[in-house]
């Protein structure tokens, strides 16, 4: 699952939105999460993001990569919609299949 937010996102909004995604019927099919880089105005830091993620027990065994340049960032990378991807935590890379 790929998650990104815009400049209007606040920490509490991201926390609530993440919890809402977890409650979706097919969340059990998610095998990993890639989180886009937050805008500076959001005040999201690495430590705060880690704390938010730790509050979600459903994420305990999922690989999660954050601070990726996609979504509302510059520079920007666009992931194509559809298909399969692989997350390799050992070398922190994402490959499309």
PDB file of N, CA and C in Angstrom:
ATOM      1  N   UNK A   1       0.848  -1.159   0.000  1.00  0.00           N
ATOM      2  CA  UNK A   1       0.000   0.000   0.000  1.00  0.00           C
ATOM      3  C   UNK A   1       0.904   1.235   0.000  1.00  0.00           C
ATOM      4  N   UNK A   2       0.564   2.202  -0.828  1.00  0.00           N
ATOM      5  CA  UNK A   2       1.294   3.460  -0.918  1.00  0.00           C
ATOM      6  C   UNK A   2       0.434   4.560  -0.313  1.00  0.00           C
ATOM      7  N   UNK A   3       1.009   5.331   0.602  1.00  0.00           N
ATOM      8  CA  UNK A   3       0.281   6.391   1.296  1.00  0.00           C
ATOM      9  C   UNK A   3       1.038   7.693   1.123  1.00  0.00           C
ATOM     10  N   UNK A   4       0.321   8.751   0.788  1.00  0.00           N
ATOM     11  CA  UNK A   4       0.925  10.078   0.731  1.00  0.00           C
ATOM     12  C   UNK A   4      -0.108  11.093   1.178  1.00  0.00           C
ATOM     13  N   UNK A   5       0.378  12.239   1.629  1.00  0.00           N
ATOM     14  CA  UNK A   5      -0.513  13.293   2.083  1.00  0.00           C
ATOM     15  C   UNK A   5      -0.078  14.617   1.486  1.00  0.00           C
ATOM     16  N   UNK A   6      -0.925  15.625   1.581  1.00  0.00           N
ATOM     17  CA  UNK A   6      -0.585  16.935   1.033  1.00  0.00           C
ATOM     18  C   UNK A   6      -0.249  17.913   2.148  1.00  0.00           C
ATOM     19  N   UNK A   7      -0.033  19.169   1.775  1.00  0.00           N
ATOM     20  CA  UNK A   7       0.399  20.177   2.741  1.00  0.00           C
ATOM     21  C   UNK A   7      -0.640  20.480   3.809  1.00  0.00           C
ATOM     22  N   UNK A   8      -1.880  20.076   3.614  1.00  0.00           N
ATOM     23  CA  UNK A   8      -2.915  20.321   4.603  1.00  0.00           C
ATOM     24  C   UNK A   8      -2.952  19.244   5.685  1.00  0.00           C
ATOM     25  N   UNK A   9      -2.170  18.210   5.517  1.00  0.00           N
ATOM     26  CA  UNK A   9      -2.171  17.103   6.473  1.00  0.00           C
ATOM     27  C   UNK A   9      -1.510  17.511   7.790  1.00  0.00           C
ATOM     28  N   UNK A  10      -2.128  17.121   8.855  1.00  0.00           N
ATOM     29  CA  UNK A  10      -1.579  17.309  10.202  1.00  0.00           C
ATOM     30  C   UNK A  10      -1.350  15.931  10.804  1.00  0.00           C
ATOM     31  N   UNK A  11      -0.563  15.860  11.833  1.00  0.00           N
ATOM     32  CA  UNK A  11      -0.211  14.577  12.454  1.00  0.00           C
ATOM     33  C   UNK A  11      -1.459  13.809  12.856  1.00  0.00           C
ATOM     34  N   UNK A  12      -2.389  14.459  13.531  1.00  0.00           N
ATOM     35  CA  UNK A  12      -3.596  13.777  13.994  1.00  0.00           C
ATOM     36  C   UNK A  12      -4.460  13.298  12.825  1.00  0.00           C
ATOM     37  N   UNK A  13      -4.455  14.045  11.700  1.00  0.00           N
ATOM     38  CA  UNK A  13      -5.203  13.603  10.522  1.00  0.00           C
ATOM     39  C   UNK A  13      -4.577  12.344   9.934  1.00  0.00           C
ATOM     40  N   UNK A  14      -3.248  12.325   9.822  1.00  0.00           N
ATOM     41  CA  UNK A  14      -2.574  11.149   9.285  1.00  0.00           C
ATOM     42  C   UNK A  14      -2.852   9.940  10.172  1.00  0.00           C
ATOM     43  N   UNK A  15      -2.776  10.126  11.484  1.00  0.00           N
ATOM     44  CA  UNK A  15      -3.033   9.045  12.435  1.00  0.00           C
ATOM     45  C   UNK A  15      -4.441   8.481  12.238  1.00  0.00           C
ATOM     46  N   UNK A  16      -5.417   9.362  12.149  1.00  0.00           N
ATOM     47  CA  UNK A  16      -6.813   8.949  11.963  1.00  0.00           C
ATOM     48  C   UNK A  16      -7.017   8.274  10.603  1.00  0.00           C
ATOM     49  N   UNK A  17      -6.426   8.867   9.555  1.00  0.00           N
ATOM     50  CA  UNK A  17      -6.576   8.292   8.216  1.00  0.00           C
ATOM     51  C   UNK A  17      -5.919   6.911   8.120  1.00  0.00           C
ATOM     52  N   UNK A  18      -4.764   6.757   8.747  1.00  0.00           N
ATOM     53  CA  UNK A  18      -4.090   5.457   8.754  1.00  0.00           C
ATOM     54  C   UNK A  18      -4.956   4.420   9.462  1.00  0.00           C
ATOM     55  N   UNK A  19      -5.548   4.797  10.590  1.00  0.00           N
ATOM     56  CA  UNK A  19      -6.423   3.878  11.305  1.00  0.00           C
ATOM     57  C   UNK A  19      -7.637   3.510  10.448  1.00  0.00           C
ATOM     58  N   UNK A  20      -8.164   4.481   9.704  1.00  0.00           N
ATOM     59  CA  UNK A  20      -9.293   4.204   8.816  1.00  0.00           C
ATOM     60  C   UNK A  20      -8.911   3.209   7.729  1.00  0.00           C
ATOM     61  N   UNK A  21      -7.717   3.338   7.172  1.00  0.00           N
ATOM     62  CA  UNK A  21      -7.252   2.380   6.160  1.00  0.00           C
ATOM     63  C   UNK A  21      -7.128   0.982   6.752  1.00  0.00           C
ATOM     64  N   UNK A  22      -6.634   0.896   7.973  1.00  0.00           N
ATOM     65  CA  UNK A  22      -6.475  -0.395   8.649  1.00  0.00           C
ATOM     66  C   UNK A  22      -7.828  -1.083   8.813  1.00  0.00           C
ATOM     67  N   UNK A  23      -8.896  -0.308   9.001  1.00  0.00           N
ATOM     68  CA  UNK A  23     -10.231  -0.870   9.209  1.00  0.00           C
ATOM     69  C   UNK A  23     -10.941  -1.260   7.919  1.00  0.00           C
ATOM     70  N   UNK A  24     -10.320  -1.015   6.768  1.00  0.00           N
ATOM     71  CA  UNK A  24     -10.938  -1.394   5.502  1.00  0.00           C
ATOM     72  C   UNK A  24     -10.984  -2.917   5.381  1.00  0.00           C
ATOM     73  N   UNK A  25     -12.028  -3.463   4.727  1.00  0.00           N
ATOM     74  CA  UNK A  25     -12.220  -4.916   4.672  1.00  0.00           C
ATOM     75  C   UNK A  25     -11.035  -5.706   4.113  1.00  0.00           C
ATOM     76  N   UNK A  26     -10.310  -5.173   3.155  1.00  0.00           N
ATOM     77  CA  UNK A  26      -9.231  -5.935   2.528  1.00  0.00           C
ATOM     78  C   UNK A  26      -7.845  -5.594   3.070  1.00  0.00           C
ATOM     79  N   UNK A  27      -7.770  -4.897   4.206  1.00  0.00           N
ATOM     80  CA  UNK A  27      -6.463  -4.527   4.729  1.00  0.00           C
ATOM     81  C   UNK A  27      -5.601  -5.751   5.023  1.00  0.00           C
ATOM     82  N   UNK A  28      -6.210  -6.869   5.337  1.00  0.00           N
ATOM     83  CA  UNK A  28      -5.433  -8.080   5.631  1.00  0.00           C
ATOM     84  C   UNK A  28      -4.606  -8.527   4.420  1.00  0.00           C
ATOM     85  N   UNK A  29      -4.929  -8.032   3.223  1.00  0.00           N
ATOM     86  CA  UNK A  29      -4.163  -8.361   2.019  1.00  0.00           C
ATOM     87  C   UNK A  29      -2.927  -7.490   1.844  1.00  0.00           C
ATOM     88  N   UNK A  30      -2.808  -6.430   2.633  1.00  0.00           N
ATOM     89  CA  UNK A  30      -1.645  -5.540   2.525  1.00  0.00           C
ATOM     90  C   UNK A  30      -0.417  -6.272   3.050  1.00  0.00           C
ATOM     91  N   UNK A  31       0.650  -6.272   2.261  1.00  0.00           N
ATOM     92  CA  UNK A  31       1.882  -6.984   2.629  1.00  0.00           C
ATOM     93  C   UNK A  31       3.021  -6.043   2.975  1.00  0.00           C
ATOM     94  N   UNK A  32       2.824  -4.737   2.770  1.00  0.00           N
ATOM     95  CA  UNK A  32       3.840  -3.741   3.091  1.00  0.00           C
ATOM     96  C   UNK A  32       3.288  -2.354   2.820  1.00  0.00           C
ATOM     97  N   UNK A  33       3.941  -1.346   3.397  1.00  0.00           N
ATOM     98  CA  UNK A  33       3.478   0.034   3.248  1.00  0.00           C
ATOM     99  C   UNK A  33       4.659   0.920   2.872  1.00  0.00           C
ATOM    100  N   UNK A  34       4.428   1.794   1.894  1.00  0.00           N
ATOM    101  CA  UNK A  34       5.395   2.817   1.506  1.00  0.00           C
ATOM    102  C   UNK A  34       4.722   4.155   1.764  1.00  0.00           C
ATOM    103  N   UNK A  35       5.374   4.997   2.563  1.00  0.00           N
ATOM    104  CA  UNK A  35       4.808   6.291   2.945  1.00  0.00           C
ATOM    105  C   UNK A  35       5.619   7.397   2.285  1.00  0.00           C
ATOM    106  N   UNK A  36       4.925   8.283   1.580  1.00  0.00           N
ATOM    107  CA  UNK A  36       5.582   9.408   0.926  1.00  0.00           C
ATOM    108  C   UNK A  36       6.115  10.415   1.936  1.00  0.00           C
ATOM    109  N   UNK A  37       7.057  11.215   1.464  1.00  0.00           N
ATOM    110  CA  UNK A  37       7.661  12.250   2.310  1.00  0.00           C
ATOM    111  C   UNK A  37       6.616  13.306   2.659  1.00  0.00           C
ATOM    112  N   UNK A  38       6.582  13.683   3.924  1.00  0.00           N
ATOM    113  CA  UNK A  38       5.621  14.687   4.394  1.00  0.00           C
ATOM    114  C   UNK A  38       6.126  16.089   4.072  1.00  0.00           C
ATOM    115  N   UNK A  39       5.200  16.992   3.821  1.00  0.00           N
ATOM    116  CA  UNK A  39       5.537  18.397   3.654  1.00  0.00           C
ATOM    117  C   UNK A  39       6.015  18.948   4.995  1.00  0.00           C
ATOM    118  N   UNK A  40       6.932  19.906   4.969  1.00  0.00           N
ATOM    119  CA  UNK A  40       7.457  20.484   6.214  1.00  0.00           C
ATOM    120  C   UNK A  40       6.360  21.073   7.084  1.00  0.00           C
ATOM    121  N   UNK A  41       5.344  21.657   6.466  1.00  0.00           N
ATOM    122  CA  UNK A  41       4.265  22.301   7.214  1.00  0.00           C
ATOM    123  C   UNK A  41       3.484  21.304   8.077  1.00  0.00           C
ATOM    124  N   UNK A  42       3.554  20.011   7.758  1.00  0.00           N
ATOM    125  CA  UNK A  42       2.812  19.012   8.526  1.00  0.00           C
ATOM    126  C   UNK A  42       3.395  18.794   9.923  1.00  0.00           C
ATOM    127  N   UNK A  43       4.663  19.156  10.107  1.00  0.00           N
ATOM    128  CA  UNK A  43       5.368  18.970  11.388  1.00  0.00           C
ATOM    129  C   UNK A  43       5.589  17.494  11.723  1.00  0.00           C
ATOM    130  N   UNK A  44       5.448  16.618  10.727  1.00  0.00           N
ATOM    131  CA  UNK A  44       5.687  15.190  10.949  1.00  0.00           C
ATOM    132  C   UNK A  44       7.201  14.959  10.952  1.00  0.00           C
ATOM    133  N   UNK A  45       7.686  14.323  11.993  1.00  0.00           N
ATOM    134  CA  UNK A  45       9.099  13.961  12.072  1.00  0.00           C
ATOM    135  C   UNK A  45       9.216  12.441  12.058  1.00  0.00           C
ATOM    136  N   UNK A  46      10.427  11.961  11.897  1.00  0.00           N
ATOM    137  CA  UNK A  46      10.655  10.512  11.916  1.00  0.00           C
ATOM    138  C   UNK A  46      10.178   9.925  13.238  1.00  0.00           C
ATOM    139  N   UNK A  47      10.527  10.567  14.351  1.00  0.00           N
ATOM    140  CA  UNK A  47      10.143  10.055  15.667  1.00  0.00           C
ATOM    141  C   UNK A  47       8.631  10.032  15.860  1.00  0.00           C
ATOM    142  N   UNK A  48       7.951  11.081  15.410  1.00  0.00           N
ATOM    143  CA  UNK A  48       6.491  11.124  15.541  1.00  0.00           C
ATOM    144  C   UNK A  48       5.860  10.048  14.671  1.00  0.00           C
ATOM    145  N   UNK A  49       6.355   9.887  13.443  1.00  0.00           N
ATOM    146  CA  UNK A  49       5.812   8.862  12.555  1.00  0.00           C
ATOM    147  C   UNK A  49       5.991   7.468  13.160  1.00  0.00           C
ATOM    148  N   UNK A  50       7.142   7.207  13.729  1.00  0.00           N
ATOM    149  CA  UNK A  50       7.383   5.914  14.382  1.00  0.00           C
ATOM    150  C   UNK A  50       6.388   5.706  15.521  1.00  0.00           C
ATOM    151  N   UNK A  51       6.139   6.721  16.315  1.00  0.00           N
ATOM    152  CA  UNK A  51       5.181   6.600  17.421  1.00  0.00           C
ATOM    153  C   UNK A  51       3.772   6.322  16.909  1.00  0.00           C
ATOM    154  N   UNK A  52       3.367   7.009  15.834  1.00  0.00           N
ATOM    155  CA  UNK A  52       2.042   6.764  15.255  1.00  0.00           C
ATOM    156  C   UNK A  52       1.943   5.316  14.797  1.00  0.00           C
ATOM    157  N   UNK A  53       2.961   4.848  14.091  1.00  0.00           N
ATOM    158  CA  UNK A  53       2.953   3.472  13.580  1.00  0.00           C
ATOM    159  C   UNK A  53       2.931   2.460  14.717  1.00  0.00           C
ATOM    160  N   UNK A  54       3.660   2.725  15.783  1.00  0.00           N
ATOM    161  CA  UNK A  54       3.702   1.796  16.922  1.00  0.00           C
ATOM    162  C   UNK A  54       2.344   1.641  17.600  1.00  0.00           C
ATOM    163  N   UNK A  55       1.461   2.621  17.454  1.00  0.00           N
ATOM    164  CA  UNK A  55       0.141   2.520  18.085  1.00  0.00           C
ATOM    165  C   UNK A  55      -0.809   1.616  17.306  1.00  0.00           C
ATOM    166  N   UNK A  56      -0.387   1.169  16.136  1.00  0.00           N
ATOM    167  CA  UNK A  56      -1.234   0.333  15.281  1.00  0.00           C
ATOM    168  C   UNK A  56      -0.708  -1.100  15.296  1.00  0.00           C
ATOM    169  N   UNK A  57      -1.254  -1.933  16.145  1.00  0.00           N
ATOM    170  CA  UNK A  57      -0.754  -3.311  16.275  1.00  0.00           C
ATOM    171  C   UNK A  57      -0.882  -4.093  14.972  1.00  0.00           C
ATOM    172  N   UNK A  58      -1.806  -3.690  14.111  1.00  0.00           N
ATOM    173  CA  UNK A  58      -1.992  -4.361  12.826  1.00  0.00           C
ATOM    174  C   UNK A  58      -0.773  -4.187  11.911  1.00  0.00           C
ATOM    175  N   UNK A  59       0.082  -3.218  12.224  1.00  0.00           N
ATOM    176  CA  UNK A  59       1.257  -2.942  11.396  1.00  0.00           C
ATOM    177  C   UNK A  59       2.520  -3.619  11.916  1.00  0.00           C
ATOM    178  N   UNK A  60       2.413  -4.319  13.050  1.00  0.00           N
ATOM    179  CA  UNK A  60       3.602  -4.880  13.701  1.00  0.00           C
ATOM    180  C   UNK A  60       4.481  -5.744  12.806  1.00  0.00           C
ATOM    181  N   UNK A  61       3.913  -6.528  11.920  1.00  0.00           N
ATOM    182  CA  UNK A  61       4.706  -7.457  11.118  1.00  0.00           C
ATOM    183  C   UNK A  61       4.800  -7.061   9.650  1.00  0.00           C
ATOM    184  N   UNK A  62       4.450  -5.820   9.343  1.00  0.00           N
ATOM    185  CA  UNK A  62       4.522  -5.360   7.958  1.00  0.00           C
ATOM    186  C   UNK A  62       5.798  -4.560   7.721  1.00  0.00           C
ATOM    187  N   UNK A  63       6.462  -4.765   6.576  1.00  0.00           N
ATOM    188  CA  UNK A  63       7.578  -3.876   6.245  1.00  0.00           C
ATOM    189  C   UNK A  63       7.022  -2.495   5.900  1.00  0.00           C
ATOM    190  N   UNK A  64       7.638  -1.461   6.441  1.00  0.00           N
ATOM    191  CA  UNK A  64       7.195  -0.087   6.189  1.00  0.00           C
ATOM    192  C   UNK A  64       8.418   0.743   5.828  1.00  0.00           C
ATOM    193  N   UNK A  65       8.325   1.428   4.699  1.00  0.00           N
ATOM    194  CA  UNK A  65       9.363   2.357   4.263  1.00  0.00           C
ATOM    195  C   UNK A  65       8.723   3.731   4.209  1.00  0.00           C
ATOM    196  N   UNK A  66       9.380   4.734   4.783  1.00  0.00           N
ATOM    197  CA  UNK A  66       8.815   6.079   4.825  1.00  0.00           C
ATOM    198  C   UNK A  66       9.802   7.093   4.252  1.00  0.00           C
ATOM    199  N   UNK A  67       9.302   8.299   4.046  1.00  0.00           N
ATOM    200  CA  UNK A  67      10.088   9.422   3.548  1.00  0.00           C
ATOM    201  C   UNK A  67      10.503   9.216   2.090  1.00  0.00           C
ATOM    202  N   UNK A  68       9.609   8.626   1.307  1.00  0.00           N
ATOM    203  CA  UNK A  68       9.869   8.340  -0.098  1.00  0.00           C
ATOM    204  C   UNK A  68       9.359   9.509  -0.941  1.00  0.00           C
ATOM    205  N   UNK A  69      10.133   9.906  -1.952  1.00  0.00           N
ATOM    206  CA  UNK A  69       9.769  11.049  -2.791  1.00  0.00           C
ATOM    207  C   UNK A  69       8.710  10.683  -3.820  1.00  0.00           C
ATOM    208  N   UNK A  70       7.459  10.631  -3.383  1.00  0.00           N
ATOM    209  CA  UNK A  70       6.329  10.489  -4.306  1.00  0.00           C
ATOM    210  C   UNK A  70       5.148  11.213  -3.698  1.00  0.00           C
ATOM    211  N   UNK A  71       4.155  11.482  -4.509  1.00  0.00           N
ATOM    212  CA  UNK A  71       2.985  12.209  -4.019  1.00  0.00           C
ATOM    213  C   UNK A  71       3.200  13.700  -4.138  1.00  0.00           C
ATOM    214  N   UNK A  72       2.917  14.431  -3.089  1.00  0.00           N
ATOM    215  CA  UNK A  72       3.001  15.896  -3.091  1.00  0.00           C
ATOM    216  C   UNK A  72       4.388  16.355  -2.660  1.00  0.00           C
ATOM    217  N   UNK A  73       5.432  15.936  -3.372  1.00  0.00           N
ATOM    218  CA  UNK A  73       6.800  16.302  -3.019  1.00  0.00           C
ATOM    219  C   UNK A  73       7.530  16.815  -4.246  1.00  0.00           C
ATOM    220  N   UNK A  74       8.665  17.404  -4.002  1.00  0.00           N
ATOM    221  CA  UNK A  74       9.564  17.788  -5.077  1.00  0.00           C
ATOM    222  C   UNK A  74      10.974  17.522  -4.585  1.00  0.00           C
ATOM    223  N   UNK A  75      11.730  16.646  -5.210  1.00  0.00           N
ATOM    224  CA  UNK A  75      11.432  15.944  -6.457  1.00  0.00           C
ATOM    225  C   UNK A  75      10.307  14.932  -6.249  1.00  0.00           C
ATOM    226  N   UNK A  76       9.754  14.480  -7.355  1.00  0.00           N
ATOM    227  CA  UNK A  76       8.611  13.580  -7.295  1.00  0.00           C
ATOM    228  C   UNK A  76       8.855  12.345  -8.159  1.00  0.00           C
ATOM    229  N   UNK A  77       8.389  11.219  -7.672  1.00  0.00           N
ATOM    230  CA  UNK A  77       8.390   9.985  -8.436  1.00  0.00           C
ATOM    231  C   UNK A  77       6.951   9.516  -8.488  1.00  0.00           C
ATOM    232  N   UNK A  78       6.505   9.078  -9.639  1.00  0.00           N
ATOM    233  CA  UNK A  78       5.131   8.609  -9.794  1.00  0.00           C
ATOM    234  C   UNK A  78       5.127   7.094  -9.915  1.00  0.00           C
ATOM    235  N   UNK A  79       4.411   6.429  -9.015  1.00  0.00           N
ATOM    236  CA  UNK A  79       4.235   4.985  -9.103  1.00  0.00           C
ATOM    237  C   UNK A  79       3.045   4.703 -10.008  1.00  0.00           C
ATOM    238  N   UNK A  80       3.188   3.805 -10.984  1.00  0.00           N
ATOM    239  CA  UNK A  80       2.027   3.447 -11.795  1.00  0.00           C
ATOM    240  C   UNK A  80       1.005   2.689 -10.950  1.00  0.00           C
ATOM    241  N   UNK A  81      -0.261   2.899 -11.229  1.00  0.00           N
ATOM    242  CA  UNK A  81      -1.327   2.228 -10.489  1.00  0.00           C
ATOM    243  C   UNK A  81      -1.529   0.836 -11.081  1.00  0.00           C
ATOM    244  N   UNK A  82      -1.663  -0.151 -10.201  1.00  0.00           N
ATOM    245  CA  UNK A  82      -1.880  -1.530 -10.639  1.00  0.00           C
ATOM    246  C   UNK A  82      -0.578  -2.305 -10.659  1.00  0.00           C
ATOM    247  N   UNK A  83      -0.693  -3.590 -10.861  1.00  0.00           N
ATOM    248  CA  UNK A  83       0.495  -4.433 -10.913  1.00  0.00           C
ATOM    249  C   UNK A  83       0.963  -4.835  -9.525  1.00  0.00           C
ATOM    250  N   UNK A  84       2.099  -5.470  -9.483  1.00  0.00           N
ATOM    251  CA  UNK A  84       2.678  -5.942  -8.231  1.00  0.00           C
ATOM    252  C   UNK A  84       3.985  -5.213  -7.972  1.00  0.00           C
ATOM    253  N   UNK A  85       4.335  -5.076  -6.713  1.00  0.00           N
ATOM    254  CA  UNK A  85       5.600  -4.462  -6.322  1.00  0.00           C
ATOM    255  C   UNK A  85       6.214  -5.305  -5.220  1.00  0.00           C
ATOM    256  N   UNK A  86       7.514  -5.178  -5.059  1.00  0.00           N
ATOM    257  CA  UNK A  86       8.225  -5.896  -3.999  1.00  0.00           C
ATOM    258  C   UNK A  86       8.989  -4.896  -3.152  1.00  0.00           C
ATOM    259  N   UNK A  87       8.860  -5.027  -1.839  1.00  0.00           N
ATOM    260  CA  UNK A  87       9.606  -4.189  -0.902  1.00  0.00           C
ATOM    261  C   UNK A  87      10.711  -5.047  -0.314  1.00  0.00           C
ATOM    262  N   UNK A  88      11.942  -4.599  -0.438  1.00  0.00           N
ATOM    263  CA  UNK A  88      13.088  -5.310   0.107  1.00  0.00           C
ATOM    264  C   UNK A  88      13.688  -4.446   1.208  1.00  0.00           C
ATOM    265  N   UNK A  89      13.374  -4.769   2.464  1.00  0.00           N
ATOM    266  CA  UNK A  89      13.867  -3.975   3.592  1.00  0.00           C
ATOM    267  C   UNK A  89      15.375  -4.058   3.764  1.00  0.00           C
ATOM    268  N   UNK A  90      16.006  -5.126   3.285  1.00  0.00           N
ATOM    269  CA  UNK A  90      17.438  -5.274   3.461  1.00  0.00           C
ATOM    270  C   UNK A  90      18.226  -4.216   2.712  1.00  0.00           C
ATOM    271  N   UNK A  91      17.757  -3.871   1.532  1.00  0.00           N
ATOM    272  CA  UNK A  91      18.479  -2.849   0.772  1.00  0.00           C
ATOM    273  C   UNK A  91      17.599  -1.634   0.483  1.00  0.00           C
ATOM    274  N   UNK A  92      16.460  -1.560   1.124  1.00  0.00           N
ATOM    275  CA  UNK A  92      15.512  -0.450   1.012  1.00  0.00           C
ATOM    276  C   UNK A  92      15.277  -0.079  -0.449  1.00  0.00           C
ATOM    277  N   UNK A  93      14.658  -0.989  -1.167  1.00  0.00           N
ATOM    278  CA  UNK A  93      14.307  -0.687  -2.544  1.00  0.00           C
ATOM    279  C   UNK A  93      12.913  -1.228  -2.855  1.00  0.00           C
ATOM    280  N   UNK A  94      12.323  -0.655  -3.862  1.00  0.00           N
ATOM    281  CA  UNK A  94      10.990  -1.061  -4.326  1.00  0.00           C
ATOM    282  C   UNK A  94      11.141  -1.403  -5.797  1.00  0.00           C
ATOM    283  N   UNK A  95      10.694  -2.572  -6.177  1.00  0.00           N
ATOM    284  CA  UNK A  95      10.766  -2.960  -7.582  1.00  0.00           C
ATOM    285  C   UNK A  95       9.384  -3.356  -8.058  1.00  0.00           C
ATOM    286  N   UNK A  96       9.078  -3.010  -9.310  1.00  0.00           N
ATOM    287  CA  UNK A  96       7.795  -3.364  -9.901  1.00  0.00           C
ATOM    288  C   UNK A  96       7.945  -4.697 -10.616  1.00  0.00           C
ATOM    289  N   UNK A  97       6.944  -5.547 -10.496  1.00  0.00           N
ATOM    290  CA  UNK A  97       6.954  -6.856 -11.178  1.00  0.00           C
ATOM    291  C   UNK A  97       6.064  -6.819 -12.386  1.00  0.00           C
TER     292      UNK A  97
END
